[in-house]
Amino acid sequence: IAFGAVKSASLAWTMGDIGVGMMAWLNIIAILILSNTVMKCFNDYERQLKAGVPTTEITFDPVSLGIKGATFWEERAKENKKA
């Protein structure tokens, strides 16, 4: 706020534009890194829909999809298998 009070508005807008641009690039990189995992999940969802599983009963099991590090979902999948 103090910096913006003593500098011109165009400089503040330029700095804001640079910040938003940097965030956009980081998001694009993250999307590219995660695209393979997202497609695995989407294909599994589509497979379950085609198999006739009601949408309220579709489950996500990261172990069967080969997704590592999803500990919350791994535990939840174990609970669903027990039930």
PDB file of N, CA and C in Angstrom:
ATOM      1  N   ILE A   1       0.842  -1.186   0.000  1.00  0.00           N
ATOM      2  CA  ILE A   1       0.000   0.000   0.000  1.00  0.00           C
ATOM      3  C   ILE A   1       0.878   1.237   0.000  1.00  0.00           C
ATOM      4  N   ALA A   2       1.916   1.246   0.849  1.00  0.00           N
ATOM      5  CA  ALA A   2       2.798   2.404   0.915  1.00  0.00           C
ATOM      6  C   ALA A   2       3.513   2.612  -0.412  1.00  0.00           C
ATOM      7  N   PHE A   3       3.951   1.525  -1.029  1.00  0.00           N
ATOM      8  CA  PHE A   3       4.646   1.634  -2.316  1.00  0.00           C
ATOM      9  C   PHE A   3       3.716   2.215  -3.365  1.00  0.00           C
ATOM     10  N   GLY A   4       2.483   1.750  -3.384  1.00  0.00           N
ATOM     11  CA  GLY A   4       1.516   2.239  -4.365  1.00  0.00           C
ATOM     12  C   GLY A   4       1.128   3.679  -4.139  1.00  0.00           C
ATOM     13  N   ALA A   5       1.251   4.170  -2.900  1.00  0.00           N
ATOM     14  CA  ALA A   5       0.886   5.557  -2.608  1.00  0.00           C
ATOM     15  C   ALA A   5       1.912   6.550  -3.128  1.00  0.00           C
ATOM     16  N   VAL A   6       3.153   6.128  -3.239  1.00  0.00           N
ATOM     17  CA  VAL A   6       4.188   7.065  -3.677  1.00  0.00           C
ATOM     18  C   VAL A   6       4.594   6.876  -5.136  1.00  0.00           C
ATOM     19  N   LYS A   7       4.166   5.820  -5.771  1.00  0.00           N
ATOM     20  CA  LYS A   7       4.506   5.568  -7.176  1.00  0.00           C
ATOM     21  C   LYS A   7       3.274   5.782  -8.046  1.00  0.00           C
ATOM     22  N   SER A   8       3.477   5.785  -9.334  1.00  0.00           N
ATOM     23  CA  SER A   8       2.372   6.023 -10.261  1.00  0.00           C
ATOM     24  C   SER A   8       1.444   4.812 -10.336  1.00  0.00           C
ATOM     25  N   ALA A   9       0.209   5.067 -10.722  1.00  0.00           N
ATOM     26  CA  ALA A   9      -0.782   3.995 -10.839  1.00  0.00           C
ATOM     27  C   ALA A   9      -0.387   3.011 -11.941  1.00  0.00           C
ATOM     28  N   SER A  10       0.214   3.503 -13.003  1.00  0.00           N
ATOM     29  CA  SER A  10       0.583   2.604 -14.101  1.00  0.00           C
ATOM     30  C   SER A  10       1.634   1.589 -13.647  1.00  0.00           C
ATOM     31  N   LEU A  11       2.535   1.986 -12.769  1.00  0.00           N
ATOM     32  CA  LEU A  11       3.524   1.049 -12.245  1.00  0.00           C
ATOM     33  C   LEU A  11       2.850  -0.024 -11.386  1.00  0.00           C
ATOM     34  N   ALA A  12       1.893   0.388 -10.572  1.00  0.00           N
ATOM     35  CA  ALA A  12       1.178  -0.568  -9.733  1.00  0.00           C
ATOM     36  C   ALA A  12       0.416  -1.574 -10.593  1.00  0.00           C
ATOM     37  N   TRP A  13      -0.241  -1.086 -11.655  1.00  0.00           N
ATOM     38  CA  TRP A  13      -0.966  -1.988 -12.550  1.00  0.00           C
ATOM     39  C   TRP A  13      -0.016  -2.930 -13.278  1.00  0.00           C
ATOM     40  N   THR A  14       1.138  -2.415 -13.683  1.00  0.00           N
ATOM     41  CA  THR A  14       2.127  -3.254 -14.360  1.00  0.00           C
ATOM     42  C   THR A  14       2.616  -4.360 -13.437  1.00  0.00           C
ATOM     43  N   MET A  15       2.893  -3.999 -12.181  1.00  0.00           N
ATOM     44  CA  MET A  15       3.339  -5.011 -11.222  1.00  0.00           C
ATOM     45  C   MET A  15       2.239  -6.042 -10.968  1.00  0.00           C
ATOM     46  N   GLY A  16       0.997  -5.594 -10.895  1.00  0.00           N
ATOM     47  CA  GLY A  16      -0.122  -6.515 -10.728  1.00  0.00           C
ATOM     48  C   GLY A  16      -0.249  -7.458 -11.915  1.00  0.00           C
ATOM     49  N   ASP A  17      -0.094  -6.920 -13.120  1.00  0.00           N
ATOM     50  CA  ASP A  17      -0.150  -7.750 -14.326  1.00  0.00           C
ATOM     51  C   ASP A  17       0.954  -8.802 -14.338  1.00  0.00           C
ATOM     52  N   ILE A  18       2.148  -8.398 -13.918  1.00  0.00           N
ATOM     53  CA  ILE A  18       3.262  -9.352 -13.861  1.00  0.00           C
ATOM     54  C   ILE A  18       2.959 -10.456 -12.853  1.00  0.00           C
ATOM     55  N   GLY A  19       2.404 -10.100 -11.696  1.00  0.00           N
ATOM     56  CA  GLY A  19       2.057 -11.099 -10.681  1.00  0.00           C
ATOM     57  C   GLY A  19       1.021 -12.081 -11.180  1.00  0.00           C
ATOM     58  N   VAL A  20      -0.026 -11.570 -11.834  1.00  0.00           N
ATOM     59  CA  VAL A  20      -1.067 -12.459 -12.369  1.00  0.00           C
ATOM     60  C   VAL A  20      -0.497 -13.350 -13.466  1.00  0.00           C
ATOM     61  N   GLY A  21       0.368 -12.792 -14.302  1.00  0.00           N
ATOM     62  CA  GLY A  21       0.992 -13.593 -15.357  1.00  0.00           C
ATOM     63  C   GLY A  21       1.843 -14.715 -14.793  1.00  0.00           C
ATOM     64  N   MET A  22       2.580 -14.418 -13.723  1.00  0.00           N
ATOM     65  CA  MET A  22       3.404 -15.462 -13.100  1.00  0.00           C
ATOM     66  C   MET A  22       2.521 -16.559 -12.491  1.00  0.00           C
ATOM     67  N   MET A  23       1.412 -16.178 -11.870  1.00  0.00           N
ATOM     68  CA  MET A  23       0.507 -17.185 -11.309  1.00  0.00           C
ATOM     69  C   MET A  23      -0.092 -18.044 -12.419  1.00  0.00           C
ATOM     70  N   ALA A  24      -0.432 -17.413 -13.540  1.00  0.00           N
ATOM     71  CA  ALA A  24      -1.000 -18.171 -14.655  1.00  0.00           C
ATOM     72  C   ALA A  24      -0.003 -19.195 -15.179  1.00  0.00           C
ATOM     73  N   TRP A  25       1.260 -18.800 -15.327  1.00  0.00           N
ATOM     74  CA  TRP A  25       2.272 -19.739 -15.815  1.00  0.00           C
ATOM     75  C   TRP A  25       2.475 -20.897 -14.859  1.00  0.00           C
ATOM     76  N   LEU A  26       2.470 -20.608 -13.555  1.00  0.00           N
ATOM     77  CA  LEU A  26       2.602 -21.695 -12.577  1.00  0.00           C
ATOM     78  C   LEU A  26       1.431 -22.664 -12.682  1.00  0.00           C
ATOM     79  N   ASN A  27       0.227 -22.126 -12.865  1.00  0.00           N
ATOM     80  CA  ASN A  27      -0.945 -22.997 -13.011  1.00  0.00           C
ATOM     81  C   ASN A  27      -0.874 -23.832 -14.284  1.00  0.00           C
ATOM     82  N   ILE A  28      -0.415 -23.245 -15.366  1.00  0.00           N
ATOM     83  CA  ILE A  28      -0.289 -23.993 -16.624  1.00  0.00           C
ATOM     84  C   ILE A  28       0.717 -25.128 -16.458  1.00  0.00           C
ATOM     85  N   ILE A  29       1.823 -24.870 -15.799  1.00  0.00           N
ATOM     86  CA  ILE A  29       2.826 -25.915 -15.564  1.00  0.00           C
ATOM     87  C   ILE A  29       2.225 -27.032 -14.704  1.00  0.00           C
ATOM     88  N   ALA A  30       1.488 -26.663 -13.650  1.00  0.00           N
ATOM     89  CA  ALA A  30       0.867 -27.669 -12.789  1.00  0.00           C
ATOM     90  C   ALA A  30      -0.150 -28.503 -13.559  1.00  0.00           C
ATOM     91  N   ILE A  31      -0.919 -27.870 -14.417  1.00  0.00           N
ATOM     92  CA  ILE A  31      -1.905 -28.591 -15.226  1.00  0.00           C
ATOM     93  C   ILE A  31      -1.211 -29.603 -16.137  1.00  0.00           C
ATOM     94  N   LEU A  32      -0.115 -29.194 -16.748  1.00  0.00           N
ATOM     95  CA  LEU A  32       0.621 -30.111 -17.623  1.00  0.00           C
ATOM     96  C   LEU A  32       1.198 -31.284 -16.841  1.00  0.00           C
ATOM     97  N   ILE A  33       1.710 -31.027 -15.642  1.00  0.00           N
ATOM     98  CA  ILE A  33       2.274 -32.103 -14.829  1.00  0.00           C
ATOM     99  C   ILE A  33       1.189 -33.080 -14.393  1.00  0.00           C
ATOM    100  N   LEU A  34       0.004 -32.573 -14.059  1.00  0.00           N
ATOM    101  CA  LEU A  34      -1.072 -33.415 -13.539  1.00  0.00           C
ATOM    102  C   LEU A  34      -1.988 -34.004 -14.619  1.00  0.00           C
ATOM    103  N   SER A  35      -1.804 -33.641 -15.872  1.00  0.00           N
ATOM    104  CA  SER A  35      -2.739 -34.065 -16.912  1.00  0.00           C
ATOM    105  C   SER A  35      -2.831 -35.586 -17.059  1.00  0.00           C
ATOM    106  N   ASN A  36      -1.724 -36.299 -16.917  1.00  0.00           N
ATOM    107  CA  ASN A  36      -1.749 -37.757 -17.032  1.00  0.00           C
ATOM    108  C   ASN A  36      -2.587 -38.377 -15.913  1.00  0.00           C
ATOM    109  N   THR A  37      -2.407 -37.886 -14.683  1.00  0.00           N
ATOM    110  CA  THR A  37      -3.166 -38.388 -13.543  1.00  0.00           C
ATOM    111  C   THR A  37      -4.643 -38.077 -13.702  1.00  0.00           C
ATOM    112  N   VAL A  38      -4.950 -36.893 -14.171  1.00  0.00           N
ATOM    113  CA  VAL A  38      -6.344 -36.496 -14.371  1.00  0.00           C
ATOM    114  C   VAL A  38      -7.006 -37.396 -15.408  1.00  0.00           C
ATOM    115  N   MET A  39      -6.312 -37.704 -16.466  1.00  0.00           N
ATOM    116  CA  MET A  39      -6.894 -38.568 -17.498  1.00  0.00           C
ATOM    117  C   MET A  39      -7.113 -39.986 -16.980  1.00  0.00           C
ATOM    118  N   LYS A  40      -6.225 -40.492 -16.124  1.00  0.00           N
ATOM    119  CA  LYS A  40      -6.443 -41.808 -15.510  1.00  0.00           C
ATOM    120  C   LYS A  40      -7.730 -41.801 -14.694  1.00  0.00           C
ATOM    121  N   CYS A  41      -7.914 -40.751 -13.900  1.00  0.00           N
ATOM    122  CA  CYS A  41      -9.114 -40.649 -13.057  1.00  0.00           C
ATOM    123  C   CYS A  41     -10.373 -40.521 -13.910  1.00  0.00           C
ATOM    124  N   PHE A  42     -10.308 -39.701 -14.946  1.00  0.00           N
ATOM    125  CA  PHE A  42     -11.466 -39.502 -15.813  1.00  0.00           C
ATOM    126  C   PHE A  42     -11.835 -40.785 -16.542  1.00  0.00           C
ATOM    127  N   ASN A  43     -10.848 -41.508 -17.058  1.00  0.00           N
ATOM    128  CA  ASN A  43     -11.128 -42.759 -17.759  1.00  0.00           C
ATOM    129  C   ASN A  43     -11.729 -43.803 -16.823  1.00  0.00           C
ATOM    130  N   ASP A  44     -11.255 -43.839 -15.566  1.00  0.00           N
ATOM    131  CA  ASP A  44     -11.834 -44.757 -14.587  1.00  0.00           C
ATOM    132  C   ASP A  44     -13.278 -44.380 -14.284  1.00  0.00           C
ATOM    133  N   TYR A  45     -13.551 -43.100 -14.166  1.00  0.00           N
ATOM    134  CA  TYR A  45     -14.919 -42.618 -13.936  1.00  0.00           C
ATOM    135  C   TYR A  45     -15.828 -43.018 -15.097  1.00  0.00           C
ATOM    136  N   GLU A  46     -15.371 -42.780 -16.311  1.00  0.00           N
ATOM    137  CA  GLU A  46     -16.151 -43.157 -17.499  1.00  0.00           C
ATOM    138  C   GLU A  46     -16.387 -44.668 -17.546  1.00  0.00           C
ATOM    139  N   ARG A  47     -15.362 -45.462 -17.194  1.00  0.00           N
ATOM    140  CA  ARG A  47     -15.503 -46.914 -17.191  1.00  0.00           C
ATOM    141  C   ARG A  47     -16.588 -47.352 -16.209  1.00  0.00           C
ATOM    142  N   GLN A  48     -16.589 -46.739 -15.021  1.00  0.00           N
ATOM    143  CA  GLN A  48     -17.596 -47.089 -14.026  1.00  0.00           C
ATOM    144  C   GLN A  48     -18.995 -46.675 -14.483  1.00  0.00           C
ATOM    145  N   LEU A  49     -19.108 -45.531 -15.149  1.00  0.00           N
ATOM    146  CA  LEU A  49     -20.412 -45.106 -15.671  1.00  0.00           C
ATOM    147  C   LEU A  49     -20.924 -46.088 -16.723  1.00  0.00           C
ATOM    148  N   LYS A  50     -20.040 -46.491 -17.642  1.00  0.00           N
ATOM    149  CA  LYS A  50     -20.438 -47.423 -18.696  1.00  0.00           C
ATOM    150  C   LYS A  50     -20.793 -48.792 -18.137  1.00  0.00           C
ATOM    151  N   ALA A  51     -20.206 -49.143 -16.985  1.00  0.00           N
ATOM    152  CA  ALA A  51     -20.503 -50.433 -16.361  1.00  0.00           C
ATOM    153  C   ALA A  51     -21.846 -50.397 -15.634  1.00  0.00           C
ATOM    154  N   GLY A  52     -22.467 -49.230 -15.576  1.00  0.00           N
ATOM    155  CA  GLY A  52     -23.782 -49.130 -14.954  1.00  0.00           C
ATOM    156  C   GLY A  52     -23.768 -48.795 -13.474  1.00  0.00           C
ATOM    157  N   VAL A  53     -22.637 -48.375 -12.954  1.00  0.00           N
ATOM    158  CA  VAL A  53     -22.561 -47.995 -11.546  1.00  0.00           C
ATOM    159  C   VAL A  53     -23.287 -46.665 -11.380  1.00  0.00           C
ATOM    160  N   PRO A  54     -24.240 -46.575 -10.435  1.00  0.00           N
ATOM    161  CA  PRO A  54     -24.919 -45.289 -10.219  1.00  0.00           C
ATOM    162  C   PRO A  54     -23.915 -44.208  -9.804  1.00  0.00           C
ATOM    163  N   THR A  55     -24.157 -42.984 -10.205  1.00  0.00           N
ATOM    164  CA  THR A  55     -23.199 -41.905  -9.932  1.00  0.00           C
ATOM    165  C   THR A  55     -22.959 -41.703  -8.438  1.00  0.00           C
ATOM    166  N   THR A  56     -23.925 -42.033  -7.614  1.00  0.00           N
ATOM    167  CA  THR A  56     -23.742 -41.880  -6.165  1.00  0.00           C
ATOM    168  C   THR A  56     -22.851 -42.965  -5.581  1.00  0.00           C
ATOM    169  N   GLU A  57     -22.581 -44.031  -6.333  1.00  0.00           N
ATOM    170  CA  GLU A  57     -21.778 -45.144  -5.841  1.00  0.00           C
ATOM    171  C   GLU A  57     -20.433 -45.283  -6.552  1.00  0.00           C
ATOM    172  N   ILE A  58     -20.095 -44.343  -7.418  1.00  0.00           N
ATOM    173  CA  ILE A  58     -18.806 -44.385  -8.105  1.00  0.00           C
ATOM    174  C   ILE A  58     -17.712 -44.103  -7.084  1.00  0.00           C
ATOM    175  N   THR A  59     -16.667 -44.931  -7.095  1.00  0.00           N
ATOM    176  CA  THR A  59     -15.578 -44.790  -6.122  1.00  0.00           C
ATOM    177  C   THR A  59     -14.271 -44.442  -6.822  1.00  0.00           C
ATOM    178  N   PHE A  60     -13.367 -43.881  -6.041  1.00  0.00           N
ATOM    179  CA  PHE A  60     -12.037 -43.533  -6.530  1.00  0.00           C
ATOM    180  C   PHE A  60     -11.032 -44.333  -5.735  1.00  0.00           C
ATOM    181  N   ASP A  61     -10.279 -45.191  -6.409  1.00  0.00           N
ATOM    182  CA  ASP A  61      -9.258 -46.004  -5.761  1.00  0.00           C
ATOM    183  C   ASP A  61      -7.913 -45.701  -6.424  1.00  0.00           C
ATOM    184  N   PRO A  62      -7.080 -44.869  -5.782  1.00  0.00           N
ATOM    185  CA  PRO A  62      -5.816 -44.483  -6.412  1.00  0.00           C
ATOM    186  C   PRO A  62      -4.848 -45.641  -6.593  1.00  0.00           C
ATOM    187  N   VAL A  63      -4.931 -46.660  -5.737  1.00  0.00           N
ATOM    188  CA  VAL A  63      -4.010 -47.793  -5.843  1.00  0.00           C
ATOM    189  C   VAL A  63      -4.253 -48.543  -7.149  1.00  0.00           C
ATOM    190  N   SER A  64      -5.524 -48.779  -7.480  1.00  0.00           N
ATOM    191  CA  SER A  64      -5.827 -49.508  -8.713  1.00  0.00           C
ATOM    192  C   SER A  64      -5.447 -48.709  -9.963  1.00  0.00           C
ATOM    193  N   LEU A  65      -5.361 -47.381  -9.833  1.00  0.00           N
ATOM    194  CA  LEU A  65      -4.988 -46.542 -10.968  1.00  0.00           C
ATOM    195  C   LEU A  65      -3.488 -46.273 -11.028  1.00  0.00           C
ATOM    196  N   GLY A  66      -2.755 -46.715 -10.004  1.00  0.00           N
ATOM    197  CA  GLY A  66      -1.310 -46.501  -9.970  1.00  0.00           C
ATOM    198  C   GLY A  66      -0.920 -45.099  -9.549  1.00  0.00           C
ATOM    199  N   ILE A  67      -1.792 -44.431  -8.801  1.00  0.00           N
ATOM    200  CA  ILE A  67      -1.512 -43.073  -8.326  1.00  0.00           C
ATOM    201  C   ILE A  67      -0.909 -43.180  -6.933  1.00  0.00           C
ATOM    202  N   LYS A  68       0.288 -42.625  -6.776  1.00  0.00           N
ATOM    203  CA  LYS A  68       0.992 -42.721  -5.493  1.00  0.00           C
ATOM    204  C   LYS A  68       0.834 -41.429  -4.695  1.00  0.00           C
ATOM    205  N   GLY A  69       0.884 -41.564  -3.365  1.00  0.00           N
ATOM    206  CA  GLY A  69       0.878 -40.400  -2.495  1.00  0.00           C
ATOM    207  C   GLY A  69      -0.493 -39.859  -2.142  1.00  0.00           C
ATOM    208  N   ALA A  70      -1.557 -40.524  -2.530  1.00  0.00           N
ATOM    209  CA  ALA A  70      -2.911 -40.076  -2.210  1.00  0.00           C
ATOM    210  C   ALA A  70      -3.395 -40.821  -0.974  1.00  0.00           C
ATOM    211  N   THR A  71      -2.717 -40.592   0.149  1.00  0.00           N
ATOM    212  CA  THR A  71      -2.972 -41.395   1.354  1.00  0.00           C
ATOM    213  C   THR A  71      -4.406 -41.266   1.857  1.00  0.00           C
ATOM    214  N   PHE A  72      -4.963 -40.071   1.815  1.00  0.00           N
ATOM    215  CA  PHE A  72      -6.350 -39.898   2.256  1.00  0.00           C
ATOM    216  C   PHE A  72      -7.282 -40.787   1.446  1.00  0.00           C
ATOM    217  N   TRP A  73      -7.125 -40.757   0.130  1.00  0.00           N
ATOM    218  CA  TRP A  73      -7.999 -41.527  -0.742  1.00  0.00           C
ATOM    219  C   TRP A  73      -7.727 -43.019  -0.654  1.00  0.00           C
ATOM    220  N   GLU A  74      -6.485 -43.402  -0.372  1.00  0.00           N
ATOM    221  CA  GLU A  74      -6.176 -44.822  -0.191  1.00  0.00           C
ATOM    222  C   GLU A  74      -6.916 -45.363   1.031  1.00  0.00           C
ATOM    223  N   GLU A  75      -6.891 -44.599   2.137  1.00  0.00           N
ATOM    224  CA  GLU A  75      -7.597 -45.024   3.345  1.00  0.00           C
ATOM    225  C   GLU A  75      -9.103 -45.060   3.109  1.00  0.00           C
ATOM    226  N   ARG A  76      -9.606 -44.091   2.386  1.00  0.00           N
ATOM    227  CA  ARG A  76     -11.050 -44.058   2.101  1.00  0.00           C
ATOM    228  C   ARG A  76     -11.464 -45.235   1.215  1.00  0.00           C
ATOM    229  N   ALA A  77     -10.618 -45.609   0.266  1.00  0.00           N
ATOM    230  CA  ALA A  77     -10.922 -46.740  -0.599  1.00  0.00           C
ATOM    231  C   ALA A  77     -10.942 -48.033   0.218  1.00  0.00           C
ATOM    232  N   LYS A  78     -10.032 -48.158   1.201  1.00  0.00           N
ATOM    233  CA  LYS A  78     -10.032 -49.327   2.067  1.00  0.00           C
ATOM    234  C   LYS A  78     -11.315 -49.392   2.876  1.00  0.00           C
ATOM    235  N   GLU A  79     -11.777 -48.253   3.380  1.00  0.00           N
ATOM    236  CA  GLU A  79     -13.021 -48.214   4.145  1.00  0.00           C
ATOM    237  C   GLU A  79     -14.211 -48.616   3.276  1.00  0.00           C
ATOM    238  N   ASN A  80     -14.216 -48.162   2.023  1.00  0.00           N
ATOM    239  CA  ASN A  80     -15.315 -48.505   1.114  1.00  0.00           C
ATOM    240  C   ASN A  80     -15.330 -49.991   0.791  1.00  0.00           C
ATOM    241  N   LYS A  81     -14.142 -50.606   0.695  1.00  0.00           N
ATOM    242  CA  LYS A  81     -14.085 -52.034   0.409  1.00  0.00           C
ATOM    243  C   LYS A  81     -14.572 -52.854   1.586  1.00  0.00           C
ATOM    244  N   LYS A  82     -14.341 -52.362   2.827  1.00  0.00           N
ATOM    245  CA  LYS A  82     -14.796 -53.064   4.017  1.00  0.00           C
ATOM    246  C   LYS A  82     -16.319 -53.045   4.131  1.00  0.00           C
ATOM    247  N   ALA A  83     -16.909 -51.927   3.698  1.00  0.00           N
ATOM    248  CA  ALA A  83     -18.366 -51.743   3.853  1.00  0.00           C
ATOM    249  C   ALA A  83     -19.164 -52.547   2.848  1.00  0.00           C
TER     250      ALA A  83
END
